[in-house]
């Protein structure tokens, strides 16, 4: 049984999951943070076919990781951390290759509709994307390790920082870019499934532009990729 499958089993049984132990002397060339949006607006929480499509994409990304890479999995929705307790940390090692991690993550992501339906995961009434990103960047040491974020989200922020809909909206979060004398290594922020459920392409494009402008002005990421389909 892989570390990640064991970790998932422990989570579903109510046991806290901590970081997997790294083998001595390993380098950490990259960190991949995968955020699972459990808000009710996101089709991930109820559409099995869509969840499977997301799972395939994420698994392929993990398969390309090198020895020493870290993979973190978190959920988000409401700002209450006690309602987002799924926290899995893995590292690519000789004993825990990318294929083992990707297979377990694929199983997890594709199972989310069933986990929500059974009550093991909670579909939530808010979408706190900005808060999740701010907290995550701080918790990993402000991206001192080269880091990519992949959020499986529709991008419809619904929190104290803004409420985005198909007709528009605005994000009002404070800037959390690094000071001029400090460089973060937050290489990319990728939204997978942005605008899912919106009525038209123009609405999806408008939503992507709002996030593009927010990243450029307020966030520490070098690049933003909004994928509506893939």
C-alpha atoms as a PDB file:
ATOM      1  CA  UNK A   1       0.000   0.000   0.000  1.00  0.00           C
ATOM      2  CA  UNK A   2       1.438   3.419  -0.976  1.00  0.00           C
ATOM      3  CA  UNK A   3       1.878   6.195   1.563  1.00  0.00           C
ATOM      4  CA  UNK A   4      -0.867   8.225  -0.064  1.00  0.00           C
ATOM      5  CA  UNK A   5      -3.405   5.402  -0.116  1.00  0.00           C
ATOM      6  CA  UNK A   6      -2.577   4.712   3.534  1.00  0.00           C
ATOM      7  CA  UNK A   7      -2.957   8.420   4.302  1.00  0.00           C
ATOM      8  CA  UNK A   8      -6.346   8.565   2.585  1.00  0.00           C
ATOM      9  CA  UNK A   9      -7.540   5.526   4.508  1.00  0.00           C
ATOM     10  CA  UNK A  10      -6.418   7.168   7.750  1.00  0.00           C
ATOM     11  CA  UNK A  11      -8.249  10.380   6.871  1.00  0.00           C
ATOM     12  CA  UNK A  12     -11.487   8.579   6.158  1.00  0.00           C
ATOM     13  CA  UNK A  13     -11.162   6.867   9.531  1.00  0.00           C
ATOM     14  CA  UNK A  14     -10.713  10.222  11.266  1.00  0.00           C
ATOM     15  CA  UNK A  15      -6.947  10.083  11.812  1.00  0.00           C
ATOM     16  CA  UNK A  16      -4.762  13.163  11.168  1.00  0.00           C
ATOM     17  CA  UNK A  17      -2.301  12.701   8.340  1.00  0.00           C
ATOM     18  CA  UNK A  18       1.131  14.246   8.645  1.00  0.00           C
ATOM     19  CA  UNK A  19       3.934  14.634   6.117  1.00  0.00           C
ATOM     20  CA  UNK A  20       5.486  11.541   4.659  1.00  0.00           C
ATOM     21  CA  UNK A  21       9.055  11.035   5.788  1.00  0.00           C
ATOM     22  CA  UNK A  22      11.703  12.031   3.275  1.00  0.00           C
ATOM     23  CA  UNK A  23      14.679   9.815   2.675  1.00  0.00           C
ATOM     24  CA  UNK A  24      17.902  11.252   4.001  1.00  0.00           C
ATOM     25  CA  UNK A  25      19.885  13.401   1.601  1.00  0.00           C
ATOM     26  CA  UNK A  26      17.108  13.912  -0.946  1.00  0.00           C
ATOM     27  CA  UNK A  27      16.777  17.190  -2.820  1.00  0.00           C
ATOM     28  CA  UNK A  28      13.402  18.864  -3.230  1.00  0.00           C
ATOM     29  CA  UNK A  29      13.325  20.309  -6.763  1.00  0.00           C
ATOM     30  CA  UNK A  30       9.666  21.327  -6.831  1.00  0.00           C
ATOM     31  CA  UNK A  31       6.500  21.407  -4.749  1.00  0.00           C
ATOM     32  CA  UNK A  32       3.068  20.759  -6.260  1.00  0.00           C
ATOM     33  CA  UNK A  33       0.087  21.987  -4.233  1.00  0.00           C
ATOM     34  CA  UNK A  34      -3.273  20.569  -5.319  1.00  0.00           C
ATOM     35  CA  UNK A  35      -6.305  22.417  -3.960  1.00  0.00           C
ATOM     36  CA  UNK A  36      -9.711  20.736  -4.102  1.00  0.00           C
ATOM     37  CA  UNK A  37     -12.598  23.213  -4.175  1.00  0.00           C
ATOM     38  CA  UNK A  38     -15.463  21.632  -2.231  1.00  0.00           C
ATOM     39  CA  UNK A  39     -17.901  24.517  -2.671  1.00  0.00           C
ATOM     40  CA  UNK A  40     -21.349  23.533  -3.859  1.00  0.00           C
ATOM     41  CA  UNK A  41     -20.994  25.551  -7.068  1.00  0.00           C
ATOM     42  CA  UNK A  42     -18.116  23.355  -8.233  1.00  0.00           C
ATOM     43  CA  UNK A  43     -19.244  20.328 -10.304  1.00  0.00           C
ATOM     44  CA  UNK A  44     -16.366  18.361  -8.751  1.00  0.00           C
ATOM     45  CA  UNK A  45     -18.565  17.708  -5.708  1.00  0.00           C
ATOM     46  CA  UNK A  46     -21.345  15.929  -7.607  1.00  0.00           C
ATOM     47  CA  UNK A  47     -20.427  15.104 -11.224  1.00  0.00           C
ATOM     48  CA  UNK A  48     -18.636  11.758 -11.488  1.00  0.00           C
ATOM     49  CA  UNK A  49     -17.611  12.143 -15.130  1.00  0.00           C
ATOM     50  CA  UNK A  50     -16.193  15.609 -14.495  1.00  0.00           C
ATOM     51  CA  UNK A  51     -14.308  14.434 -11.408  1.00  0.00           C
ATOM     52  CA  UNK A  52     -12.770  11.655 -13.483  1.00  0.00           C
ATOM     53  CA  UNK A  53     -11.608  14.144 -16.098  1.00  0.00           C
ATOM     54  CA  UNK A  54      -9.971  16.310 -13.423  1.00  0.00           C
ATOM     55  CA  UNK A  55      -8.371  13.215 -11.914  1.00  0.00           C
ATOM     56  CA  UNK A  56      -6.779  12.248 -15.233  1.00  0.00           C
ATOM     57  CA  UNK A  57      -5.237  15.703 -15.638  1.00  0.00           C
ATOM     58  CA  UNK A  58      -3.801  15.819 -12.126  1.00  0.00           C
ATOM     59  CA  UNK A  59      -2.428  12.288 -12.360  1.00  0.00           C
ATOM     60  CA  UNK A  60      -0.573  13.177 -15.549  1.00  0.00           C
ATOM     61  CA  UNK A  61       0.972  16.225 -13.850  1.00  0.00           C
ATOM     62  CA  UNK A  62       2.211  14.092 -10.965  1.00  0.00           C
ATOM     63  CA  UNK A  63       3.608  11.439 -13.307  1.00  0.00           C
ATOM     64  CA  UNK A  64       6.029  14.068 -14.652  1.00  0.00           C
ATOM     65  CA  UNK A  65       7.574  14.897 -11.257  1.00  0.00           C
ATOM     66  CA  UNK A  66      11.194  14.118 -10.480  1.00  0.00           C
ATOM     67  CA  UNK A  67      12.825  12.486  -7.475  1.00  0.00           C
ATOM     68  CA  UNK A  68      12.492  14.660  -4.380  1.00  0.00           C
ATOM     69  CA  UNK A  69       9.391  16.529  -5.519  1.00  0.00           C
ATOM     70  CA  UNK A  70       6.688  17.207  -2.929  1.00  0.00           C
ATOM     71  CA  UNK A  71       2.948  16.811  -3.446  1.00  0.00           C
ATOM     72  CA  UNK A  72       0.474  18.456  -1.085  1.00  0.00           C
ATOM     73  CA  UNK A  73      -3.286  17.954  -1.217  1.00  0.00           C
ATOM     74  CA  UNK A  74      -5.683  20.309   0.567  1.00  0.00           C
ATOM     75  CA  UNK A  75      -9.397  21.083   0.419  1.00  0.00           C
ATOM     76  CA  UNK A  76     -10.981  24.513   0.646  1.00  0.00           C
ATOM     77  CA  UNK A  77     -14.387  26.172   0.614  1.00  0.00           C
ATOM     78  CA  UNK A  78     -15.416  27.974   3.774  1.00  0.00           C
ATOM     79  CA  UNK A  79     -12.735  29.762   5.795  1.00  0.00           C
ATOM     80  CA  UNK A  80     -13.165  27.433   8.791  1.00  0.00           C
ATOM     81  CA  UNK A  81     -10.142  25.117   8.804  1.00  0.00           C
ATOM     82  CA  UNK A  82     -11.949  22.583  10.985  1.00  0.00           C
ATOM     83  CA  UNK A  83     -14.221  21.840   8.035  1.00  0.00           C
ATOM     84  CA  UNK A  84     -11.300  21.245   5.666  1.00  0.00           C
ATOM     85  CA  UNK A  85      -9.277  18.569   7.402  1.00  0.00           C
ATOM     86  CA  UNK A  86      -8.051  16.565   4.410  1.00  0.00           C
ATOM     87  CA  UNK A  87      -4.302  17.238   4.411  1.00  0.00           C
ATOM     88  CA  UNK A  88      -2.010  14.823   2.596  1.00  0.00           C
ATOM     89  CA  UNK A  89       1.727  15.365   2.072  1.00  0.00           C
ATOM     90  CA  UNK A  90       3.829  13.082  -0.096  1.00  0.00           C
ATOM     91  CA  UNK A  91       7.349  13.113  -1.504  1.00  0.00           C
ATOM     92  CA  UNK A  92       8.649  11.358  -4.598  1.00  0.00           C
ATOM     93  CA  UNK A  93      11.304   8.853  -3.553  1.00  0.00           C
ATOM     94  CA  UNK A  94      12.705   5.622  -4.939  1.00  0.00           C
ATOM     95  CA  UNK A  95      10.223   3.756  -2.757  1.00  0.00           C
ATOM     96  CA  UNK A  96       7.348   6.121  -3.530  1.00  0.00           C
ATOM     97  CA  UNK A  97       7.589   6.875  -7.269  1.00  0.00           C
ATOM     98  CA  UNK A  98       5.377   9.354  -9.143  1.00  0.00           C
ATOM     99  CA  UNK A  99       3.271   6.510 -10.551  1.00  0.00           C
ATOM    100  CA  UNK A 100       2.262   5.356  -7.061  1.00  0.00           C
ATOM    101  CA  UNK A 101       1.342   8.874  -5.941  1.00  0.00           C
ATOM    102  CA  UNK A 102      -0.531   9.691  -9.143  1.00  0.00           C
ATOM    103  CA  UNK A 103      -2.571   6.478  -8.980  1.00  0.00           C
ATOM    104  CA  UNK A 104      -3.681   7.237  -5.434  1.00  0.00           C
ATOM    105  CA  UNK A 105      -4.456  10.903  -6.197  1.00  0.00           C
ATOM    106  CA  UNK A 106      -6.428   9.874  -9.269  1.00  0.00           C
ATOM    107  CA  UNK A 107      -8.487   7.526  -7.121  1.00  0.00           C
ATOM    108  CA  UNK A 108      -9.068  10.248  -4.533  1.00  0.00           C
ATOM    109  CA  UNK A 109     -10.132  12.976  -6.969  1.00  0.00           C
ATOM    110  CA  UNK A 110     -12.393  10.691  -8.989  1.00  0.00           C
ATOM    111  CA  UNK A 111     -14.032   9.561  -5.730  1.00  0.00           C
ATOM    112  CA  UNK A 112     -14.915  13.046  -4.477  1.00  0.00           C
ATOM    113  CA  UNK A 113     -18.591  12.984  -5.606  1.00  0.00           C
ATOM    114  CA  UNK A 114     -19.047   9.675  -3.787  1.00  0.00           C
ATOM    115  CA  UNK A 115     -17.191  10.955  -0.702  1.00  0.00           C
ATOM    116  CA  UNK A 116     -19.434  14.025  -0.617  1.00  0.00           C
ATOM    117  CA  UNK A 117     -22.577  11.963  -1.162  1.00  0.00           C
ATOM    118  CA  UNK A 118     -21.611   9.648   1.709  1.00  0.00           C
ATOM    119  CA  UNK A 119     -20.815  12.551   4.044  1.00  0.00           C
ATOM    120  CA  UNK A 120     -17.110  11.773   4.359  1.00  0.00           C
ATOM    121  CA  UNK A 121     -16.347  15.097   2.693  1.00  0.00           C
ATOM    122  CA  UNK A 122     -18.553  18.170   3.038  1.00  0.00           C
ATOM    123  CA  UNK A 123     -19.857  20.262   0.140  1.00  0.00           C
ATOM    124  CA  UNK A 124     -19.603  23.820   1.412  1.00  0.00           C
ATOM    125  CA  UNK A 125     -21.580  27.055   1.069  1.00  0.00           C
ATOM    126  CA  UNK A 126     -18.641  29.394   0.361  1.00  0.00           C
ATOM    127  CA  UNK A 127     -15.624  29.559  -1.932  1.00  0.00           C
ATOM    128  CA  UNK A 128     -12.640  31.099  -0.196  1.00  0.00           C
ATOM    129  CA  UNK A 129     -10.006  30.840  -2.932  1.00  0.00           C
ATOM    130  CA  UNK A 130      -8.086  34.003  -2.001  1.00  0.00           C
ATOM    131  CA  UNK A 131      -7.908  33.058   1.666  1.00  0.00           C
ATOM    132  CA  UNK A 132      -6.758  29.548   0.794  1.00  0.00           C
ATOM    133  CA  UNK A 133      -3.973  30.874  -1.427  1.00  0.00           C
ATOM    134  CA  UNK A 134      -2.760  33.413   1.144  1.00  0.00           C
ATOM    135  CA  UNK A 135      -2.699  30.827   3.924  1.00  0.00           C
ATOM    136  CA  UNK A 136      -1.049  28.201   1.735  1.00  0.00           C
ATOM    137  CA  UNK A 137       1.731  30.498   0.514  1.00  0.00           C
ATOM    138  CA  UNK A 138       2.492  31.476   4.108  1.00  0.00           C
ATOM    139  CA  UNK A 139       2.385  27.905   5.412  1.00  0.00           C
ATOM    140  CA  UNK A 140       4.950  26.616   2.912  1.00  0.00           C
ATOM    141  CA  UNK A 141       7.513  29.292   3.690  1.00  0.00           C
ATOM    142  CA  UNK A 142       6.397  31.749   1.003  1.00  0.00           C
ATOM    143  CA  UNK A 143       7.453  29.512  -1.894  1.00  0.00           C
ATOM    144  CA  UNK A 144      11.151  29.372  -1.098  1.00  0.00           C
ATOM    145  CA  UNK A 145      10.984  26.035  -2.886  1.00  0.00           C
ATOM    146  CA  UNK A 146       9.810  26.330  -6.532  1.00  0.00           C
ATOM    147  CA  UNK A 147       6.074  25.749  -6.268  1.00  0.00           C
ATOM    148  CA  UNK A 148       3.097  25.204  -8.574  1.00  0.00           C
ATOM    149  CA  UNK A 149      -0.507  25.472  -7.420  1.00  0.00           C
ATOM    150  CA  UNK A 150      -3.216  23.541  -9.261  1.00  0.00           C
ATOM    151  CA  UNK A 151      -6.694  24.378  -7.988  1.00  0.00           C
ATOM    152  CA  UNK A 152      -9.605  22.228  -9.105  1.00  0.00           C
ATOM    153  CA  UNK A 153     -12.074  25.098  -8.960  1.00  0.00           C
ATOM    154  CA  UNK A 154     -14.764  26.918 -10.908  1.00  0.00           C
ATOM    155  CA  UNK A 155     -13.174  30.200  -9.813  1.00  0.00           C
ATOM    156  CA  UNK A 156     -16.396  31.639  -8.392  1.00  0.00           C
ATOM    157  CA  UNK A 157     -15.002  33.342  -5.281  1.00  0.00           C
ATOM    158  CA  UNK A 158     -17.700  33.757  -2.641  1.00  0.00           C
ATOM    159  CA  UNK A 159     -16.117  35.136   0.519  1.00  0.00           C
ATOM    160  CA  UNK A 160     -15.213  38.309   2.374  1.00  0.00           C
ATOM    161  CA  UNK A 161     -12.749  39.035  -0.444  1.00  0.00           C
ATOM    162  CA  UNK A 162     -15.352  39.186  -3.193  1.00  0.00           C
ATOM    163  CA  UNK A 163     -18.293  37.531  -4.884  1.00  0.00           C
ATOM    164  CA  UNK A 164     -17.803  36.562  -8.489  1.00  0.00           C
ATOM    165  CA  UNK A 165     -20.610  35.511 -10.815  1.00  0.00           C
ATOM    166  CA  UNK A 166     -21.075  35.141 -14.538  1.00  0.00           C
ATOM    167  CA  UNK A 167     -21.958  38.842 -14.763  1.00  0.00           C
ATOM    168  CA  UNK A 168     -18.707  39.919 -13.125  1.00  0.00           C
ATOM    169  CA  UNK A 169     -17.751  41.104  -9.669  1.00  0.00           C
ATOM    170  CA  UNK A 170     -14.523  42.207  -8.030  1.00  0.00           C
ATOM    171  CA  UNK A 171     -11.849  40.897  -5.700  1.00  0.00           C
ATOM    172  CA  UNK A 172     -10.891  43.188  -2.842  1.00  0.00           C
ATOM    173  CA  UNK A 173      -8.179  41.205  -1.084  1.00  0.00           C
ATOM    174  CA  UNK A 174      -5.043  42.936   0.219  1.00  0.00           C
ATOM    175  CA  UNK A 175      -1.853  42.542  -1.777  1.00  0.00           C
ATOM    176  CA  UNK A 176       0.370  39.666  -0.704  1.00  0.00           C
ATOM    177  CA  UNK A 177       3.155  39.990  -3.227  1.00  0.00           C
ATOM    178  CA  UNK A 178       6.673  39.723  -1.749  1.00  0.00           C
ATOM    179  CA  UNK A 179       8.595  42.881  -0.866  1.00  0.00           C
ATOM    180  CA  UNK A 180      11.004  44.140  -3.526  1.00  0.00           C
ATOM    181  CA  UNK A 181      14.025  42.738  -1.710  1.00  0.00           C
ATOM    182  CA  UNK A 182      12.583  39.215  -1.530  1.00  0.00           C
ATOM    183  CA  UNK A 183      11.718  36.857  -4.350  1.00  0.00           C
ATOM    184  CA  UNK A 184       9.146  34.111  -4.045  1.00  0.00           C
ATOM    185  CA  UNK A 185       9.327  31.026  -6.235  1.00  0.00           C
ATOM    186  CA  UNK A 186       5.588  30.601  -6.747  1.00  0.00           C
ATOM    187  CA  UNK A 187       5.969  29.638 -10.378  1.00  0.00           C
ATOM    188  CA  UNK A 188       2.383  29.094 -11.510  1.00  0.00           C
ATOM    189  CA  UNK A 189      -1.207  29.239 -10.365  1.00  0.00           C
ATOM    190  CA  UNK A 190      -3.448  27.037 -12.511  1.00  0.00           C
ATOM    191  CA  UNK A 191      -7.244  26.996 -12.224  1.00  0.00           C
ATOM    192  CA  UNK A 192      -8.557  23.743 -13.664  1.00  0.00           C
ATOM    193  CA  UNK A 193     -12.212  24.070 -14.658  1.00  0.00           C
ATOM    194  CA  UNK A 194     -12.641  27.826 -14.276  1.00  0.00           C
ATOM    195  CA  UNK A 195     -16.136  28.963 -15.235  1.00  0.00           C
ATOM    196  CA  UNK A 196     -17.692  25.495 -15.182  1.00  0.00           C
ATOM    197  CA  UNK A 197     -21.437  25.880 -14.995  1.00  0.00           C
ATOM    198  CA  UNK A 198     -21.558  29.419 -16.389  1.00  0.00           C
ATOM    199  CA  UNK A 199     -23.982  30.037 -19.224  1.00  0.00           C
ATOM    200  CA  UNK A 200     -21.708  31.457 -21.916  1.00  0.00           C
ATOM    201  CA  UNK A 201     -18.146  31.697 -23.130  1.00  0.00           C
ATOM    202  CA  UNK A 202     -18.162  35.454 -22.593  1.00  0.00           C
ATOM    203  CA  UNK A 203     -18.956  34.901 -18.904  1.00  0.00           C
ATOM    204  CA  UNK A 204     -16.133  32.387 -18.575  1.00  0.00           C
ATOM    205  CA  UNK A 205     -13.722  34.755 -20.304  1.00  0.00           C
ATOM    206  CA  UNK A 206     -14.786  37.627 -18.037  1.00  0.00           C
ATOM    207  CA  UNK A 207     -14.184  35.500 -14.951  1.00  0.00           C
ATOM    208  CA  UNK A 208     -10.739  34.450 -16.160  1.00  0.00           C
ATOM    209  CA  UNK A 209      -9.816  38.086 -16.791  1.00  0.00           C
ATOM    210  CA  UNK A 210     -10.803  39.094 -13.248  1.00  0.00           C
ATOM    211  CA  UNK A 211      -8.460  36.474 -11.851  1.00  0.00           C
ATOM    212  CA  UNK A 212      -5.708  37.341 -14.319  1.00  0.00           C
ATOM    213  CA  UNK A 213      -5.767  40.967 -13.167  1.00  0.00           C
ATOM    214  CA  UNK A 214      -5.878  39.949  -9.509  1.00  0.00           C
ATOM    215  CA  UNK A 215      -2.820  37.707  -9.864  1.00  0.00           C
ATOM    216  CA  UNK A 216      -0.890  40.424 -11.700  1.00  0.00           C
ATOM    217  CA  UNK A 217      -1.663  43.033  -9.024  1.00  0.00           C
ATOM    218  CA  UNK A 218      -1.983  41.179  -5.742  1.00  0.00           C
ATOM    219  CA  UNK A 219      -0.491  37.671  -5.786  1.00  0.00           C
ATOM    220  CA  UNK A 220       3.094  36.324  -5.866  1.00  0.00           C
ATOM    221  CA  UNK A 221       2.647  33.934  -8.787  1.00  0.00           C
ATOM    222  CA  UNK A 222       4.824  34.341 -11.873  1.00  0.00           C
ATOM    223  CA  UNK A 223       2.137  32.941 -14.171  1.00  0.00           C
ATOM    224  CA  UNK A 224      -1.601  32.334 -14.137  1.00  0.00           C
ATOM    225  CA  UNK A 225      -3.250  29.660 -16.287  1.00  0.00           C
ATOM    226  CA  UNK A 226      -7.073  29.513 -16.399  1.00  0.00           C
ATOM    227  CA  UNK A 227      -8.131  26.269 -18.075  1.00  0.00           C
ATOM    228  CA  UNK A 228     -11.799  26.058 -18.977  1.00  0.00           C
ATOM    229  CA  UNK A 229     -11.394  22.809 -20.858  1.00  0.00           C
ATOM    230  CA  UNK A 230      -8.499  20.506 -21.681  1.00  0.00           C
END
